[in-house]
Amino acid sequence: MNTEKERLLNALTLINEVQNLTIDNKWKQYLHQHLIVVEYELQRQLSLINADDRGRLQIGNSEHSDAAKQQ
């Protein structure tokens, strides 16, 4: 099963594909202005997940260094 991060990356890829498929569309500007909003929200959510992952990594590293100091 895909993680939330993988699903967000897949969604961003699909947005990019839709933008490429509609590059010559008569209403490209209208379509893309809406896609940009969705793309921005997906990127925002992905950055929150990445920040959370970095925070957990830092906590994990400090726990390991604390354990090493105690030994």
PDB file of N, CA and C in Angstrom:
ATOM      1  N   MET A   1       0.842  -1.191   0.000  1.00  0.00           N
ATOM      2  CA  MET A   1       0.000   0.000   0.000  1.00  0.00           C
ATOM      3  C   MET A   1       0.883   1.249   0.000  1.00  0.00           C
ATOM      4  N   ASN A   2       0.480   2.223  -0.757  1.00  0.00           N
ATOM      5  CA  ASN A   2       1.240   3.468  -0.844  1.00  0.00           C
ATOM      6  C   ASN A   2       1.087   4.299   0.415  1.00  0.00           C
ATOM      7  N   THR A   3       2.160   4.979   0.767  1.00  0.00           N
ATOM      8  CA  THR A   3       2.096   5.904   1.887  1.00  0.00           C
ATOM      9  C   THR A   3       1.456   7.211   1.410  1.00  0.00           C
ATOM     10  N   GLU A   4       1.111   8.049   2.349  1.00  0.00           N
ATOM     11  CA  GLU A   4       0.539   9.360   2.001  1.00  0.00           C
ATOM     12  C   GLU A   4       1.524  10.158   1.149  1.00  0.00           C
ATOM     13  N   LYS A   5       2.791  10.082   1.503  1.00  0.00           N
ATOM     14  CA  LYS A   5       3.825  10.797   0.748  1.00  0.00           C
ATOM     15  C   LYS A   5       3.865  10.308  -0.705  1.00  0.00           C
ATOM     16  N   GLU A   6       3.801   8.998  -0.905  1.00  0.00           N
ATOM     17  CA  GLU A   6       3.810   8.439  -2.257  1.00  0.00           C
ATOM     18  C   GLU A   6       2.566   8.855  -3.037  1.00  0.00           C
ATOM     19  N   ARG A   7       1.420   8.879  -2.368  1.00  0.00           N
ATOM     20  CA  ARG A   7       0.177   9.300  -3.044  1.00  0.00           C
ATOM     21  C   ARG A   7       0.256  10.764  -3.457  1.00  0.00           C
ATOM     22  N   LEU A   8       0.820  11.609  -2.598  1.00  0.00           N
ATOM     23  CA  LEU A   8       0.961  13.022  -2.944  1.00  0.00           C
ATOM     24  C   LEU A   8       1.914  13.200  -4.125  1.00  0.00           C
ATOM     25  N   LEU A   9       3.012  12.460  -4.121  1.00  0.00           N
ATOM     26  CA  LEU A   9       3.956  12.538  -5.243  1.00  0.00           C
ATOM     27  C   LEU A   9       3.305  12.055  -6.537  1.00  0.00           C
ATOM     28  N   ASN A  10       2.511  10.989  -6.448  1.00  0.00           N
ATOM     29  CA  ASN A  10       1.783  10.499  -7.633  1.00  0.00           C
ATOM     30  C   ASN A  10       0.794  11.538  -8.137  1.00  0.00           C
ATOM     31  N   ALA A  11       0.103  12.185  -7.226  1.00  0.00           N
ATOM     32  CA  ALA A  11      -0.865  13.222  -7.614  1.00  0.00           C
ATOM     33  C   ALA A  11      -0.156  14.388  -8.293  1.00  0.00           C
ATOM     34  N   LEU A  12       0.996  14.786  -7.766  1.00  0.00           N
ATOM     35  CA  LEU A  12       1.766  15.870  -8.396  1.00  0.00           C
ATOM     36  C   LEU A  12       2.216  15.474  -9.805  1.00  0.00           C
ATOM     37  N   THR A  13       2.597  14.221  -9.967  1.00  0.00           N
ATOM     38  CA  THR A  13       2.984  13.726 -11.289  1.00  0.00           C
ATOM     39  C   THR A  13       1.806  13.799 -12.256  1.00  0.00           C
ATOM     40  N   LEU A  14       0.628  13.410 -11.773  1.00  0.00           N
ATOM     41  CA  LEU A  14      -0.568  13.459 -12.625  1.00  0.00           C
ATOM     42  C   LEU A  14      -0.942  14.887 -12.999  1.00  0.00           C
ATOM     43  N   ILE A  15      -0.813  15.809 -12.055  1.00  0.00           N
ATOM     44  CA  ILE A  15      -1.080  17.228 -12.358  1.00  0.00           C
ATOM     45  C   ILE A  15      -0.144  17.696 -13.466  1.00  0.00           C
ATOM     46  N   ASN A  16       1.118  17.322 -13.341  1.00  0.00           N
ATOM     47  CA  ASN A  16       2.101  17.695 -14.356  1.00  0.00           C
ATOM     48  C   ASN A  16       1.732  17.100 -15.711  1.00  0.00           C
ATOM     49  N   GLU A  17       1.278  15.858 -15.720  1.00  0.00           N
ATOM     50  CA  GLU A  17       0.865  15.216 -16.970  1.00  0.00           C
ATOM     51  C   GLU A  17      -0.335  15.924 -17.587  1.00  0.00           C
ATOM     52  N   VAL A  18      -1.294  16.309 -16.776  1.00  0.00           N
ATOM     53  CA  VAL A  18      -2.465  17.031 -17.289  1.00  0.00           C
ATOM     54  C   VAL A  18      -2.028  18.368 -17.879  1.00  0.00           C
ATOM     55  N   GLN A  19      -1.110  19.053 -17.196  1.00  0.00           N
ATOM     56  CA  GLN A  19      -0.611  20.325 -17.731  1.00  0.00           C
ATOM     57  C   GLN A  19       0.058  20.117 -19.085  1.00  0.00           C
ATOM     58  N   ASN A  20       0.843  19.050 -19.198  1.00  0.00           N
ATOM     59  CA  ASN A  20       1.511  18.759 -20.475  1.00  0.00           C
ATOM     60  C   ASN A  20       0.503  18.378 -21.562  1.00  0.00           C
ATOM     61  N   LEU A  21      -0.515  17.626 -21.193  1.00  0.00           N
ATOM     62  CA  LEU A  21      -1.518  17.196 -22.176  1.00  0.00           C
ATOM     63  C   LEU A  21      -2.379  18.348 -22.678  1.00  0.00           C
ATOM     64  N   THR A  22      -2.494  19.392 -21.896  1.00  0.00           N
ATOM     65  CA  THR A  22      -3.355  20.523 -22.266  1.00  0.00           C
ATOM     66  C   THR A  22      -2.555  21.741 -22.710  1.00  0.00           C
ATOM     67  N   ILE A  23      -1.290  21.534 -23.035  1.00  0.00           N
ATOM     68  CA  ILE A  23      -0.412  22.652 -23.409  1.00  0.00           C
ATOM     69  C   ILE A  23      -0.929  23.413 -24.640  1.00  0.00           C
ATOM     70  N   ASP A  24      -1.591  22.715 -25.553  1.00  0.00           N
ATOM     71  CA  ASP A  24      -2.121  23.354 -26.762  1.00  0.00           C
ATOM     72  C   ASP A  24      -3.629  23.575 -26.698  1.00  0.00           C
ATOM     73  N   ASN A  25      -4.204  23.368 -25.543  1.00  0.00           N
ATOM     74  CA  ASN A  25      -5.648  23.508 -25.380  1.00  0.00           C
ATOM     75  C   ASN A  25      -6.050  24.974 -25.513  1.00  0.00           C
ATOM     76  N   LYS A  26      -7.174  25.181 -26.151  1.00  0.00           N
ATOM     77  CA  LYS A  26      -7.687  26.536 -26.361  1.00  0.00           C
ATOM     78  C   LYS A  26      -7.910  27.270 -25.041  1.00  0.00           C
ATOM     79  N   TRP A  27      -8.297  26.539 -23.983  1.00  0.00           N
ATOM     80  CA  TRP A  27      -8.569  27.132 -22.681  1.00  0.00           C
ATOM     81  C   TRP A  27      -7.491  26.768 -21.660  1.00  0.00           C
ATOM     82  N   LYS A  28      -6.274  26.613 -22.166  1.00  0.00           N
ATOM     83  CA  LYS A  28      -5.137  26.219 -21.329  1.00  0.00           C
ATOM     84  C   LYS A  28      -5.001  27.098 -20.093  1.00  0.00           C
ATOM     85  N   GLN A  29      -5.058  28.388 -20.263  1.00  0.00           N
ATOM     86  CA  GLN A  29      -4.864  29.302 -19.139  1.00  0.00           C
ATOM     87  C   GLN A  29      -5.914  29.071 -18.056  1.00  0.00           C
ATOM     88  N   TYR A  30      -7.143  28.889 -18.446  1.00  0.00           N
ATOM     89  CA  TYR A  30      -8.222  28.627 -17.495  1.00  0.00           C
ATOM     90  C   TYR A  30      -7.976  27.310 -16.759  1.00  0.00           C
ATOM     91  N   LEU A  31      -7.630  26.268 -17.497  1.00  0.00           N
ATOM     92  CA  LEU A  31      -7.367  24.968 -16.888  1.00  0.00           C
ATOM     93  C   LEU A  31      -6.174  25.032 -15.936  1.00  0.00           C
ATOM     94  N   HIS A  32      -5.099  25.633 -16.401  1.00  0.00           N
ATOM     95  CA  HIS A  32      -3.867  25.647 -15.615  1.00  0.00           C
ATOM     96  C   HIS A  32      -3.994  26.488 -14.348  1.00  0.00           C
ATOM     97  N   GLN A  33      -4.782  27.544 -14.394  1.00  0.00           N
ATOM     98  CA  GLN A  33      -4.922  28.348 -13.181  1.00  0.00           C
ATOM     99  C   GLN A  33      -5.583  27.552 -12.065  1.00  0.00           C
ATOM    100  N   HIS A  34      -6.454  26.619 -12.426  1.00  0.00           N
ATOM    101  CA  HIS A  34      -7.079  25.762 -11.418  1.00  0.00           C
ATOM    102  C   HIS A  34      -6.143  24.632 -10.991  1.00  0.00           C
ATOM    103  N   LEU A  35      -5.405  24.113 -11.942  1.00  0.00           N
ATOM    104  CA  LEU A  35      -4.454  23.058 -11.618  1.00  0.00           C
ATOM    105  C   LEU A  35      -3.343  23.571 -10.690  1.00  0.00           C
ATOM    106  N   ILE A  36      -2.950  24.814 -10.869  1.00  0.00           N
ATOM    107  CA  ILE A  36      -1.902  25.399 -10.024  1.00  0.00           C
ATOM    108  C   ILE A  36      -2.340  25.428  -8.570  1.00  0.00           C
ATOM    109  N   VAL A  37      -3.602  25.719  -8.327  1.00  0.00           N
ATOM    110  CA  VAL A  37      -4.124  25.741  -6.950  1.00  0.00           C
ATOM    111  C   VAL A  37      -4.016  24.347  -6.329  1.00  0.00           C
ATOM    112  N   VAL A  38      -4.400  23.337  -7.089  1.00  0.00           N
ATOM    113  CA  VAL A  38      -4.329  21.957  -6.601  1.00  0.00           C
ATOM    114  C   VAL A  38      -2.865  21.558  -6.402  1.00  0.00           C
ATOM    115  N   GLU A  39      -2.023  21.901  -7.353  1.00  0.00           N
ATOM    116  CA  GLU A  39      -0.596  21.583  -7.249  1.00  0.00           C
ATOM    117  C   GLU A  39       0.014  22.218  -6.000  1.00  0.00           C
ATOM    118  N   TYR A  40      -0.300  23.471  -5.754  1.00  0.00           N
ATOM    119  CA  TYR A  40       0.230  24.173  -4.590  1.00  0.00           C
ATOM    120  C   TYR A  40      -0.201  23.470  -3.298  1.00  0.00           C
ATOM    121  N   GLU A  41      -1.456  23.073  -3.216  1.00  0.00           N
ATOM    122  CA  GLU A  41      -1.949  22.396  -2.006  1.00  0.00           C
ATOM    123  C   GLU A  41      -1.264  21.047  -1.814  1.00  0.00           C
ATOM    124  N   LEU A  42      -1.065  20.304  -2.887  1.00  0.00           N
ATOM    125  CA  LEU A  42      -0.360  19.030  -2.786  1.00  0.00           C
ATOM    126  C   LEU A  42       1.075  19.242  -2.310  1.00  0.00           C
ATOM    127  N   GLN A  43       1.733  20.253  -2.843  1.00  0.00           N
ATOM    128  CA  GLN A  43       3.106  20.558  -2.418  1.00  0.00           C
ATOM    129  C   GLN A  43       3.149  20.985  -0.958  1.00  0.00           C
ATOM    130  N   ARG A  44       2.148  21.747  -0.530  1.00  0.00           N
ATOM    131  CA  ARG A  44       2.084  22.177   0.874  1.00  0.00           C
ATOM    132  C   ARG A  44       1.970  20.969   1.792  1.00  0.00           C
ATOM    133  N   GLN A  45       1.080  20.054   1.444  1.00  0.00           N
ATOM    134  CA  GLN A  45       0.908  18.862   2.266  1.00  0.00           C
ATOM    135  C   GLN A  45       2.165  18.008   2.274  1.00  0.00           C
ATOM    136  N   LEU A  46       2.822  17.894   1.142  1.00  0.00           N
ATOM    137  CA  LEU A  46       4.061  17.124   1.058  1.00  0.00           C
ATOM    138  C   LEU A  46       5.157  17.765   1.912  1.00  0.00           C
ATOM    139  N   SER A  47       5.236  19.082   1.895  1.00  0.00           N
ATOM    140  CA  SER A  47       6.260  19.755   2.712  1.00  0.00           C
ATOM    141  C   SER A  47       5.988  19.560   4.202  1.00  0.00           C
ATOM    142  N   LEU A  48       4.724  19.486   4.597  1.00  0.00           N
ATOM    143  CA  LEU A  48       4.401  19.215   6.008  1.00  0.00           C
ATOM    144  C   LEU A  48       4.839  17.806   6.401  1.00  0.00           C
ATOM    145  N   ILE A  49       4.619  16.850   5.518  1.00  0.00           N
ATOM    146  CA  ILE A  49       5.058  15.477   5.788  1.00  0.00           C
ATOM    147  C   ILE A  49       6.582  15.421   5.880  1.00  0.00           C
ATOM    148  N   ASN A  50       7.267  16.104   4.960  1.00  0.00           N
ATOM    149  CA  ASN A  50       8.732  16.118   4.978  1.00  0.00           C
ATOM    150  C   ASN A  50       9.264  16.771   6.241  1.00  0.00           C
ATOM    151  N   ALA A  51       8.644  17.854   6.675  1.00  0.00           N
ATOM    152  CA  ALA A  51       9.067  18.526   7.906  1.00  0.00           C
ATOM    153  C   ALA A  51       8.855  17.619   9.106  1.00  0.00           C
ATOM    154  N   ASP A  52       7.743  16.910   9.116  1.00  0.00           N
ATOM    155  CA  ASP A  52       7.463  15.969  10.202  1.00  0.00           C
ATOM    156  C   ASP A  52       8.492  14.838  10.210  1.00  0.00           C
ATOM    157  N   ASP A  53       8.832  14.340   9.023  1.00  0.00           N
ATOM    158  CA  ASP A  53       9.856  13.287   8.921  1.00  0.00           C
ATOM    159  C   ASP A  53      11.202  13.784   9.425  1.00  0.00           C
ATOM    160  N   ARG A  54      11.575  15.014   9.064  1.00  0.00           N
ATOM    161  CA  ARG A  54      12.846  15.580   9.536  1.00  0.00           C
ATOM    162  C   ARG A  54      12.838  15.743  11.047  1.00  0.00           C
ATOM    163  N   GLY A  55      11.699  16.156  11.598  1.00  0.00           N
ATOM    164  CA  GLY A  55      11.583  16.311  13.045  1.00  0.00           C
ATOM    165  C   GLY A  55      11.749  14.988  13.759  1.00  0.00           C
ATOM    166  N   ARG A  56      11.142  13.951  13.223  1.00  0.00           N
ATOM    167  CA  ARG A  56      11.283  12.624  13.821  1.00  0.00           C
ATOM    168  C   ARG A  56      12.713  12.123  13.706  1.00  0.00           C
ATOM    169  N   LEU A  57      13.373  12.428  12.603  1.00  0.00           N
ATOM    170  CA  LEU A  57      14.752  12.024  12.407  1.00  0.00           C
ATOM    171  C   LEU A  57      15.653  12.722  13.418  1.00  0.00           C
ATOM    172  N   GLN A  58      15.418  14.010  13.651  1.00  0.00           N
ATOM    173  CA  GLN A  58      16.220  14.751  14.620  1.00  0.00           C
ATOM    174  C   GLN A  58      15.998  14.223  16.024  1.00  0.00           C
ATOM    175  N   ILE A  59      14.761  13.911  16.361  1.00  0.00           N
ATOM    176  CA  ILE A  59      14.466  13.356  17.687  1.00  0.00           C
ATOM    177  C   ILE A  59      15.148  12.007  17.833  1.00  0.00           C
ATOM    178  N   GLY A  60      15.073  11.182  16.799  1.00  0.00           N
ATOM    179  CA  GLY A  60      15.717   9.874  16.836  1.00  0.00           C
ATOM    180  C   GLY A  60      17.224   9.989  16.988  1.00  0.00           C
ATOM    181  N   ASN A  61      17.829  10.948  16.282  1.00  0.00           N
ATOM    182  CA  ASN A  61      19.271  11.146  16.376  1.00  0.00           C
ATOM    183  C   ASN A  61      19.675  11.623  17.759  1.00  0.00           C
ATOM    184  N   SER A  62      18.876  12.510  18.360  1.00  0.00           N
ATOM    185  CA  SER A  62      19.234  13.006  19.694  1.00  0.00           C
ATOM    186  C   SER A  62      19.075  11.899  20.730  1.00  0.00           C
ATOM    187  N   GLU A  63      18.087  11.021  20.542  1.00  0.00           N
ATOM    188  CA  GLU A  63      17.931   9.888  21.470  1.00  0.00           C
ATOM    189  C   GLU A  63      19.129   8.964  21.391  1.00  0.00           C
ATOM    190  N   HIS A  64      19.633   8.739  20.170  1.00  0.00           N
ATOM    191  CA  HIS A  64      20.805   7.882  20.017  1.00  0.00           C
ATOM    192  C   HIS A  64      22.041   8.537  20.621  1.00  0.00           C
ATOM    193  N   SER A  65      22.185   9.831  20.448  1.00  0.00           N
ATOM    194  CA  SER A  65      23.364  10.502  21.009  1.00  0.00           C
ATOM    195  C   SER A  65      23.268  10.556  22.535  1.00  0.00           C
ATOM    196  N   ASP A  66      22.051  10.706  23.083  1.00  0.00           N
ATOM    197  CA  ASP A  66      21.873  10.670  24.531  1.00  0.00           C
ATOM    198  C   ASP A  66      22.234   9.303  25.095  1.00  0.00           C
ATOM    199  N   ALA A  67      21.830   8.249  24.388  1.00  0.00           N
ATOM    200  CA  ALA A  67      22.127   6.895  24.823  1.00  0.00           C
ATOM    201  C   ALA A  67      23.634   6.640  24.769  1.00  0.00           C
ATOM    202  N   ALA A  68      24.281   7.177  23.739  1.00  0.00           N
ATOM    203  CA  ALA A  68      25.725   7.001  23.611  1.00  0.00           C
ATOM    204  C   ALA A  68      26.464   7.745  24.723  1.00  0.00           C
ATOM    205  N   LYS A  69      25.968   8.920  25.090  1.00  0.00           N
ATOM    206  CA  LYS A  69      26.594   9.692  26.165  1.00  0.00           C
ATOM    207  C   LYS A  69      26.478   8.963  27.507  1.00  0.00           C
ATOM    208  N   GLN A  70      25.367   8.282  27.704  1.00  0.00           N
ATOM    209  CA  GLN A  70      25.156   7.580  28.974  1.00  0.00           C
ATOM    210  C   GLN A  70      26.055   6.381  29.081  1.00  0.00           C
ATOM    211  N   GLN A  71      26.483   5.811  27.972  1.00  0.00           N
ATOM    212  CA  GLN A  71      27.343   4.636  28.018  1.00  0.00           C
ATOM    213  C   GLN A  71      28.731   5.098  28.170  1.00  0.00           C
TER     214      GLN A  71
END
